[in-house]
Every structure is written in C-alpha cells, then in structure tokens.
Protein backbone atom coordinates (compact mmCIF):
# COMPACT_ATOMS: atom_id res chain seq x y z
CA MET A 1 -0.04 0.00 0.00
CA SER A 2 1.56 3.30 -1.06
CA ALA A 3 1.84 6.14 1.46
CA VAL A 4 -0.41 9.15 1.13
CA THR A 5 1.49 12.07 -0.10
CA THR A 6 1.00 15.77 1.13
CA GLN A 7 0.86 18.65 -1.29
CA TYR A 8 1.18 22.24 -0.18
CA VAL A 9 -0.39 25.41 -1.55
CA GLU A 10 1.79 28.29 -0.48
CA ALA A 11 0.26 31.68 0.46
CA ALA A 12 1.01 34.84 2.48
CA GLY A 13 -0.58 37.88 3.94
CA GLY A 14 -0.43 40.21 6.88
CA ILE A 15 -2.01 42.42 9.49
CA ILE A 16 -1.78 46.01 8.49
CA TYR A 17 -1.99 48.20 11.70
CA ARG A 18 -2.14 52.00 12.12
CA LYS A 19 -2.68 54.36 14.97
CA ARG A 20 -6.29 55.26 15.48
CA ASN A 21 -7.44 58.88 15.49
CA SER A 22 -10.47 60.87 14.63
CA THR A 23 -9.41 61.33 10.99
CA ASN A 24 -8.95 57.55 10.19
CA SER A 25 -11.79 56.19 12.32
CA SER A 26 -14.32 56.11 9.52
CA ASN A 27 -16.26 52.94 10.49
CA GLU A 28 -18.52 54.71 13.07
CA ASP A 29 -21.10 51.88 13.31
CA GLU A 30 -18.37 49.33 13.77
CA GLU A 31 -16.80 51.23 16.61
CA ALA A 32 -19.81 50.79 18.80
CA LYS A 33 -21.26 47.47 17.53
CA ILE A 34 -20.56 44.71 15.21
CA GLY A 35 -23.55 42.80 13.78
CA GLY A 36 -25.80 44.50 16.43
CA ASN A 37 -23.94 42.93 19.34
CA ALA A 38 -21.96 44.91 22.04
CA ILE A 39 -18.39 43.96 22.02
CA LYS A 40 -16.95 42.16 25.06
CA PRO A 41 -13.17 42.55 25.45
CA SER A 42 -11.22 39.38 25.18
CA ASN A 43 -8.48 38.39 27.69
CA ALA A 44 -5.94 38.67 24.83
CA ILE A 45 -6.94 42.30 24.29
CA LYS A 46 -5.89 45.16 26.49
CA PRO A 47 -7.55 48.68 26.51
CA SER A 48 -4.44 50.29 24.97
CA ASP A 49 -4.92 47.88 21.98
CA ASP A 50 -7.76 50.04 20.83
CA ASP A 51 -5.28 52.82 20.09
CA PHE A 52 -4.71 50.78 16.92
CA GLU A 53 -6.77 49.76 13.91
CA LEU A 54 -6.29 46.70 11.83
CA CYS A 55 -7.34 46.04 8.18
CA LEU A 56 -9.84 43.27 7.35
CA VAL A 57 -11.23 42.32 4.01
CA TYR A 58 -14.54 40.71 2.94
CA ARG A 59 -14.47 37.89 0.35
CA PRO A 60 -17.86 37.50 -1.43
CA LYS A 61 -16.99 34.11 -2.77
CA TYR A 62 -16.67 32.67 0.76
CA ASP A 63 -18.91 35.18 2.68
CA ASP A 64 -16.22 35.71 5.17
CA TRP A 65 -14.15 38.44 6.83
CA SER A 66 -10.47 37.73 7.08
CA TRP A 67 -6.89 39.05 6.87
CA PRO A 68 -5.67 40.01 3.41
CA LYS A 69 -3.66 37.21 1.83
CA GLY A 70 -3.22 35.28 -1.31
CA LYS A 71 -1.34 32.36 -3.11
CA ASN A 72 2.26 32.54 -4.15
CA GLU A 73 2.98 33.03 -7.82
CA PRO A 74 5.50 30.71 -9.45
CA LYS A 75 8.99 31.47 -8.21
CA GLU A 76 7.66 34.07 -5.84
CA SER A 77 8.84 34.35 -2.20
CA HIS A 78 6.39 34.38 0.63
CA ARG A 79 7.36 37.92 1.57
CA HIS A 80 6.83 39.24 -1.87
CA THR A 81 3.50 37.47 -2.09
CA ALA A 82 2.45 39.01 1.25
CA VAL A 83 3.11 42.60 0.14
CA ARG A 84 1.64 42.05 -3.30
CA GLU A 85 -1.50 40.33 -2.28
CA VAL A 86 -2.19 42.80 0.62
CA GLY A 87 -1.69 45.65 -1.84
CA GLU A 88 -4.06 44.02 -4.40
CA GLU A 89 -6.79 43.22 -1.83
CA THR A 90 -6.68 46.36 0.20
CA GLY A 91 -5.46 49.01 -2.17
CA TYR A 92 -2.82 50.09 0.49
CA SER A 93 0.91 50.15 0.00
CA VAL A 94 2.69 48.42 2.87
CA ALA A 95 6.12 47.50 4.18
CA LEU A 96 6.90 44.16 5.89
CA GLY A 97 7.62 44.04 9.59
CA PRO A 98 8.31 41.10 11.89
CA HIS A 99 6.93 37.68 11.02
CA ILE A 100 3.71 36.86 12.93
CA ALA A 101 2.79 33.21 12.37
CA LYS A 102 2.48 30.38 10.01
CA ILE A 103 -0.86 28.54 9.82
CA GLU A 104 -1.85 25.34 7.90
CA TYR A 105 -5.25 23.72 7.09
CA PRO A 106 -6.64 21.38 4.60
CA LEU A 107 -7.42 23.24 1.28
CA GLU A 108 -10.89 21.78 1.19
CA ARG A 109 -11.76 23.81 4.32
CA GLU A 110 -11.01 27.07 2.53
CA GLY A 111 -13.72 29.59 3.43
CA LYS A 112 -15.80 27.12 5.51
CA LYS A 113 -17.07 28.42 8.79
CA GLN A 114 -17.37 24.95 10.46
CA THR A 115 -15.55 21.73 9.57
CA SER A 116 -15.75 18.25 11.15
CA LYS A 117 -12.38 17.22 12.54
CA SER A 118 -13.00 13.52 11.62
CA GLY A 119 -11.19 12.30 8.43
CA ASN A 120 -12.85 10.61 5.39
CA THR A 121 -11.37 7.11 5.48
CA SER A 122 -12.55 6.49 1.89
CA ARG A 123 -10.08 9.00 0.53
CA ASN A 124 -7.03 7.88 2.27
CA SER A 125 -5.34 7.01 -1.00
CA GLN A 126 -5.72 10.59 -2.31
CA PRO A 127 -3.02 13.10 -1.77
CA GLU A 128 -3.75 15.62 1.06
CA VAL A 129 -3.56 19.22 -0.04
CA ILE A 130 -2.58 21.61 2.71
CA LYS A 131 -2.78 25.40 2.46
CA ARG A 132 0.23 27.02 4.27
CA ILE A 133 0.06 30.77 5.00
CA HIS A 134 2.72 33.02 6.39
CA TYR A 135 1.67 36.28 8.11
CA TRP A 136 3.70 39.43 8.78
CA MET A 137 3.15 42.63 10.74
CA MET A 138 2.77 45.44 8.10
CA ARG A 139 2.70 49.17 8.21
CA LEU A 140 1.45 51.63 5.67
CA ILE A 141 3.88 53.65 3.52
CA ASP A 142 3.10 57.00 1.94
CA LYS A 143 2.26 57.39 -1.72
CA PRO A 144 5.74 58.91 -2.73
CA SER A 145 7.55 56.07 -1.07
CA ALA A 146 5.23 53.51 -2.74
CA ALA A 147 5.79 55.16 -6.15
CA LYS A 148 9.59 55.04 -5.68
CA ARG A 149 9.48 51.43 -4.67
CA LEU A 150 7.23 50.18 -7.49
CA PRO A 151 9.85 49.74 -10.25
CA ALA A 152 11.98 47.60 -7.95
CA PHE A 153 9.02 45.68 -6.51
CA GLY A 154 6.89 44.97 -9.62
CA PRO A 155 3.28 45.55 -10.46
CA ILE A 156 0.45 45.41 -7.92
CA LYS A 157 -2.94 44.99 -9.65
CA PRO A 158 -6.18 45.81 -7.74
CA ALA A 159 -8.40 42.74 -6.87
CA LYS A 160 -11.67 42.38 -8.71
CA PRO A 161 -14.83 43.28 -6.72
CA THR A 162 -15.90 39.58 -7.01
CA GLU A 163 -12.75 38.71 -4.98
CA ILE A 164 -12.83 41.46 -2.44
CA GLY A 165 -16.11 43.16 -1.64
CA ASN A 166 -15.26 45.49 1.19
CA VAL A 167 -12.27 46.63 3.34
CA LEU A 168 -12.67 47.77 6.94
CA TRP A 169 -10.42 49.23 9.69
CA LEU A 170 -11.31 47.95 13.10
CA THR A 171 -9.85 47.95 16.57
CA PRO A 172 -8.55 44.55 17.78
CA SER A 173 -11.56 43.92 19.93
CA GLN A 174 -13.92 44.77 16.91
CA ALA A 175 -11.71 42.55 14.58
CA ARG A 176 -11.92 39.56 16.92
CA LYS A 177 -15.72 39.76 16.73
CA LYS A 178 -15.78 40.36 12.97
CA LEU A 179 -13.37 37.64 11.84
CA THR A 180 -15.07 34.57 10.47
CA HIS A 181 -12.51 31.87 11.18
CA ASP A 182 -10.82 30.70 14.37
CA SER A 183 -7.55 30.43 12.52
CA ASP A 184 -7.66 34.17 11.81
CA ARG A 185 -8.31 34.79 15.47
CA GLU A 186 -5.19 32.77 16.27
CA VAL A 187 -3.13 34.99 14.00
CA LEU A 188 -4.69 38.04 15.85
CA ASP A 189 -3.56 36.59 19.11
CA ALA A 190 0.03 36.14 17.86
CA PHE A 191 0.01 39.77 16.61
CA LEU A 192 -1.21 41.06 19.99
CA GLU A 193 1.35 39.14 21.73
CA LYS A 194 4.02 41.11 19.78
CA LEU A 195 2.14 44.31 20.44
CA HIS A 196 1.97 43.70 24.12
CA ALA A 197 5.80 42.96 24.18
CA GLY A 198 6.43 46.51 22.86
CA GLN A 199 7.20 45.40 19.30
CA GLY A 200 4.78 47.66 17.47
CA GLU A 201 7.35 50.45 16.95
CA TYR A 202 10.24 48.77 15.21
CA SER A 203 12.94 49.82 12.74
CA THR A 204 14.40 47.53 10.05
CA LEU A 205 18.01 46.92 9.19
CA LEU A 206 18.83 44.86 6.04
CA LEU A 207 22.44 43.50 5.83
CA VAL A 208 23.48 42.41 2.37
CA ARG A 209 26.49 40.33 1.49
CA HIS A 210 27.78 41.44 -1.99
CA GLY A 211 26.96 39.19 -4.96
CA LYS A 212 29.32 36.59 -6.29
CA ALA A 213 32.42 38.33 -7.41
CA GLU A 214 35.28 37.39 -9.85
CA SER A 215 37.92 35.27 -8.29
CA ARG A 216 40.70 36.96 -6.36
CA LYS A 217 43.25 34.78 -8.07
CA THR A 218 42.17 35.54 -11.58
CA TRP A 219 41.41 39.15 -11.19
CA GLN A 220 44.19 41.38 -12.57
CA GLY A 221 43.08 44.74 -11.02
CA SER A 222 42.94 45.97 -7.43
CA GLU A 223 40.65 44.55 -4.80
CA ALA A 224 38.62 47.83 -4.82
CA THR A 225 37.75 47.29 -8.44
CA ARG A 226 36.93 43.56 -8.44
CA PRO A 227 33.43 43.28 -9.90
CA ILE A 228 30.59 40.80 -9.40
CA THR A 229 30.05 38.07 -12.01
CA PRO A 230 27.03 37.73 -14.34
CA LEU A 231 25.56 35.23 -11.82
CA GLY A 232 26.20 37.76 -9.05
CA ALA A 233 24.40 40.45 -11.20
CA ALA A 234 21.34 38.19 -11.60
CA ALA A 235 21.25 37.60 -7.85
CA SER A 236 21.64 41.33 -7.27
CA TYR A 237 18.67 42.13 -9.48
CA ALA A 238 16.49 39.37 -7.89
CA LEU A 239 17.43 40.51 -4.35
CA GLY A 240 16.11 43.96 -5.18
CA ARG A 241 12.57 42.55 -5.36
CA GLU A 242 12.94 41.23 -1.91
CA LEU A 243 14.53 44.36 -0.40
CA ALA A 244 11.60 46.37 -1.93
CA CYS A 245 9.19 44.48 0.37
CA TYR A 246 10.69 46.55 3.30
CA ALA A 247 10.49 49.84 1.45
CA PRO A 248 13.96 50.96 2.77
CA ASN A 249 14.60 54.65 2.60
CA LYS A 250 18.40 54.50 2.83
CA ILE A 251 21.19 52.57 1.23
CA MET A 252 24.68 52.32 2.60
CA SER A 253 27.61 50.47 1.06
CA SER A 254 31.32 49.89 1.00
CA PRO A 255 32.69 51.94 -1.94
CA TRP A 256 34.40 48.83 -3.41
CA LYS A 257 32.91 47.83 -6.72
CA ARG A 258 31.44 44.54 -5.88
CA CYS A 259 29.38 46.00 -3.06
CA VAL A 260 28.19 49.00 -5.07
CA GLU A 261 27.27 46.80 -7.99
CA THR A 262 25.26 44.50 -5.68
CA VAL A 263 22.83 47.32 -4.68
CA ALA A 264 23.04 49.41 -7.86
CA ALA A 265 20.04 47.82 -9.55
CA PHE A 266 17.85 48.34 -6.42
CA SER A 267 19.19 51.92 -5.94
CA HIS A 268 18.37 52.78 -9.57
CA ASP A 269 14.86 51.13 -9.50
CA SER A 270 13.92 52.69 -6.17
CA SER A 271 15.50 56.09 -6.87
CA LEU A 272 17.60 55.92 -3.66
CA PRO A 273 21.23 57.13 -3.69
CA ILE A 274 23.96 54.87 -2.41
CA GLU A 275 25.82 56.34 0.53
CA GLN A 276 29.39 55.09 0.05
CA VAL A 277 31.12 54.59 3.38
CA ALA A 278 34.92 54.15 3.36
CA GLU A 279 34.94 52.53 6.86
CA LEU A 280 33.05 49.50 5.36
CA THR A 281 35.89 48.36 3.14
CA GLU A 282 37.92 45.26 3.91
CA ASP A 283 41.14 47.27 4.24
CA HIS A 284 39.70 49.71 6.68
CA HIS A 285 38.07 46.86 8.72
CA GLU A 286 41.39 44.96 8.86
CA ASN A 287 43.18 47.98 10.18
CA GLN A 288 40.54 49.58 12.30
CA PRO A 289 37.74 47.10 13.10
CA LYS A 290 36.25 49.30 15.91
CA SER A 291 35.89 52.17 13.45
CA THR A 292 34.06 49.84 10.99
CA LEU A 293 31.77 48.56 13.85
CA SER A 294 30.91 52.14 14.79
CA VAL A 295 29.19 52.55 11.44
CA LEU A 296 26.73 49.79 12.41
CA ILE A 297 26.23 51.07 15.96
CA ASN A 298 25.60 54.66 14.77
CA GLU A 299 23.14 53.54 12.17
CA ILE A 300 21.21 51.54 14.78
CA GLN A 301 21.12 54.63 16.94
CA ASN A 302 19.72 56.60 14.00
CA LEU A 303 17.09 54.10 13.42
CA GLU A 304 16.16 54.12 17.12
CA SER A 305 15.87 57.92 17.13
CA ASN A 306 13.78 57.92 13.94
CA ALA A 307 11.48 55.33 15.48
CA ARG A 308 10.94 57.38 18.68
CA ASN A 309 10.09 60.41 16.49
CA SER A 310 7.69 58.33 14.48
CA SER A 311 6.07 57.02 17.59
CA ALA A 312 5.55 60.56 18.93
CA ALA A 313 3.80 61.62 15.77
CA SER A 314 0.08 61.18 15.42
CA ASN A 315 0.14 60.24 11.79
CA ALA A 316 -1.37 56.95 10.78
CA ILE A 317 1.22 56.85 7.91
CA ALA A 318 4.74 57.69 8.90
CA THR A 319 7.95 57.61 6.90
CA ASN A 320 9.29 54.06 6.80
CA ASN A 321 12.37 53.49 8.87
CA ALA A 322 14.54 51.01 7.13
CA THR A 323 18.23 50.90 6.03
CA VAL A 324 20.10 48.61 3.60
CA ILE A 325 23.85 48.12 4.24
CA CYS A 326 26.02 46.15 1.75
CA LEU A 327 29.06 44.47 3.19
CA HIS A 328 32.09 42.24 2.70
CA ARG A 329 32.37 38.82 4.38
CA PRO A 330 34.97 39.85 7.04
CA VAL A 331 32.88 42.86 8.13
CA ILE A 332 29.82 40.69 8.49
CA GLY A 333 31.60 38.52 11.08
CA THR A 334 32.36 41.62 13.16
CA PHE A 335 28.87 42.91 12.82
CA PHE A 336 27.36 39.55 13.79
CA ASP A 337 29.47 39.42 16.96
CA TYR A 338 27.84 42.67 18.09
CA LEU A 339 24.34 41.87 16.92
CA ARG A 340 24.25 38.56 18.87
CA GLU A 341 24.73 40.62 21.97
CA ILE A 342 21.63 42.69 21.40
CA THR A 343 19.38 39.86 20.09
CA LYS A 344 16.60 38.45 22.20
CA PRO A 345 16.72 34.67 22.62
CA ARG A 346 13.62 34.08 20.63
CA ALA A 347 14.71 36.20 17.71
CA HIS A 348 16.44 33.34 15.88
CA LYS A 349 19.98 34.17 17.09
CA ARG A 350 21.23 31.12 15.34
CA ILE A 351 20.88 32.93 12.02
CA LEU A 352 23.66 35.15 13.07
CA SER A 353 26.35 32.58 12.30
CA GLN A 354 29.64 32.53 14.19
CA LYS A 355 31.46 30.81 11.19
CA SER A 356 32.66 32.13 7.89
CA PRO A 357 31.29 32.80 5.32
CA TYR A 358 28.40 33.89 7.70
CA MET A 359 25.85 34.22 4.84
CA PRO A 360 25.69 33.36 1.15
CA THR A 361 26.87 35.82 -1.45
CA GLY A 362 23.96 38.01 -2.89
CA SER A 363 21.79 37.37 0.17
CA ALA A 364 20.43 39.49 2.98
CA ILE A 365 19.43 39.20 6.60
CA VAL A 366 16.56 41.28 7.85
CA LEU A 367 16.76 42.55 11.51
CA HIS A 368 13.77 44.23 13.13
CA ILE A 369 14.94 46.40 16.05
CA ILE A 370 13.10 48.21 18.94
CA SER A 371 14.34 50.63 21.47
CA THR A 372 14.27 49.59 25.14
CA PRO A 373 15.48 51.23 28.46
CA LYS A 374 18.52 49.01 28.03
CA GLY A 375 19.25 50.06 24.44
CA ALA A 376 18.45 48.58 21.02
CA ARG A 377 17.15 44.96 20.94
CA ILE A 378 16.63 42.78 17.92
CA ILE A 379 13.19 41.17 18.02
CA ASP A 380 13.03 39.28 14.78
CA ILE A 381 15.51 38.00 12.16
CA GLU A 382 14.87 36.45 8.79
CA LYS A 383 17.09 35.20 5.97
CA VAL A 384 16.47 36.58 2.44
CA LEU A 385 17.64 34.56 -0.47
CA PRO A 386 16.94 35.91 -3.96
CA SER A 387 15.19 33.69 -6.46
CA VAL A 388 17.21 33.57 -9.71
CA TYR A 389 15.41 31.72 -12.62
C-alpha cells in the first residue's frame, strides 16, 4: 500500500495596523457595535490595543471576513506574495515588519465556517492538499515612497470586486468579533502578543552580502575594483525585489565595486542614492575594526531615534524607517558578533552565524529592532535569498 503524499499550496498575507485617531476612524457603526452585538473585550486584548486599527477584507466568494492574503505566484517568495497580495486586496501600500505566524489547514476547508475534525477514510489514498500561509506585521507607507518602490518591487494589480467586496479598519476587539475563522483569530492573538511585548514600533536593518564576485586569483586589477560576476548580477537584480518588500529609505555600502554593483540595480529602480562609506571596506576593517563597527552602531542609533520620533507623531502613515547596508564577508563577522549581544533569545539568534562565510553571497538578513530602556534590541531575524530563474 503506497503512502499518502501531502501537497502544499503556499500563500502569504499580513495584518496592517495603524494608529487610531479621529481622522482615520471612519467605521462609526463598527466602533460601537458589530452585527448588532456589543463587544466584550477578550482576555487577549488590552484597553491600549484600541489605540490601533487593523485592516480586514470581505471575500464575497466565501462570505467571510479575514486578513488580506493570497497564493504565491511561481518562483515568488512568501514575503513578496504578502506585500503584493495585501496591496491588491486592500489598495494600500505596505512594508513588511516582523513575522507573525504560519498556519496550515486542509485546502478543502477554505472559506468554510465549520468543519468536522474527523477524516474521510474512503479518501486515504488521495494526496492531502494543505494550504500553508505566512503572516507578517505590516505598516502603511506613503504614496511617494510607494511610487519610488514600484519599479523595484513590480506591479500590484487591484483585486476584482468579485474577489474583495469590502475593506474595513477595526480595533482589535472589533476585529476579533468580525473575523469569521478561528485560525484568523489565532493570528490576531500572535499579533497582539507582539504588540504587548512593545514590538509595534520597530525599525528595520537589512544587511546584504555582496553578490558573487570574480575570483581573487584571476582578477588582474585591485581589490577595490573587483566586480561581481554575471551570476552575481542576476542575484543582485533578484534581491532587489525582496529588499523592496521592506520599502527601505536609505542605502549604505562599501565603496568597493562588488558591493556598489550589488545594490546598484535596487538603487536605480527605487530612486535611492547609495551612501558610500569608506569605513566599510575590507582594508579599513582589517586596520580599524572598531571604526568599522561604529558605522553599524551609529546607524542603529539613528534608526532608534527615527522610530521614537515616528512613535511621537500622530500620523497613521509615517515615513518608513529601514536601512540597507551592503558588506564584505569579514565585516559581516564583526557585525554579527555585536548583533548577537543585542538579540533577544527568541529572535532566531542562530541565523547570526559565528562561522565564515556567515551568509551566502547576494543574500540578505533582515533585522527588526526596537528601542528599550537598556538600548536597542533585535526582536526578529529572517534570511532573504533571491530567486534567480
């Protein structure tokens, strides 16, 4: 008897959240009641949570209210899917934040409000199809930032009215009542856990290792002029689509050619200049590693300061606070030593490898950082690998 195989349908989405004020609280009927019933606060919801609004969508096909999400396109990463699908379903431009949760359920349960937990033994020989969805925290970005990002990210086409019938902004307590499925409430709980832990105001730092470069042995010129290979160029272009998910507003790089070339395509497509920092070169790092490390420490302090200013503002849409830094392998090792010291245990510290080469060429690591009384702390880390095809 052959074993039953499991097939996966990959999807991604997110919870967009914004500060609530009189100008963006447009769902007046929803604020007092939902479906004619007074809202009873859940144990998972604190009064301060209602300072925020979350974005829900209505799907006519399933007659349900859920978080915006959708299926991965061929060769598309989950993070790119999340930003694209949320943009298509809500009409809002967003930037990725920390990962919230991953949920799975049989595809046949899609859109069903109640499902029996007992299996159908007569179909045991059929492949089981599981829908797997990754969710991220998301914040709105302004129209100028969205327009600058679009060439690097790619097209975002509005969903048809038959796919999305309505979009609402609700407080967490209202959202819990409005959501149709228990799985979506589980995602809400995971989101609120992060909010309660003070992770709502974060900054994003993206560390990029330059793309595959020409061999040191065969290159006839200086180290500063050694370029990336055609494969490195392809990875560089593909990586730009992933970096765009975070809508960075600043790019820093070693001035050596292989680093500048790695972020050049993204710089061009997103209309962001490259700030070339001499302290990030291999030579400077070898002679003055503390000076090189100070570049990282200073940038984290800048991100913290910007986050505090953003938090103090009453705007629902603030300037995104994310920086890209392109580095050489030896510099990454020094940076990782420091970053491990400010990483919370649950933030996947193991990704910050202690062994060379630390990370693959042409890849990135995303660090989400919050400010605490004890200084900056990393709350979430993800690897980003470009899809070259």
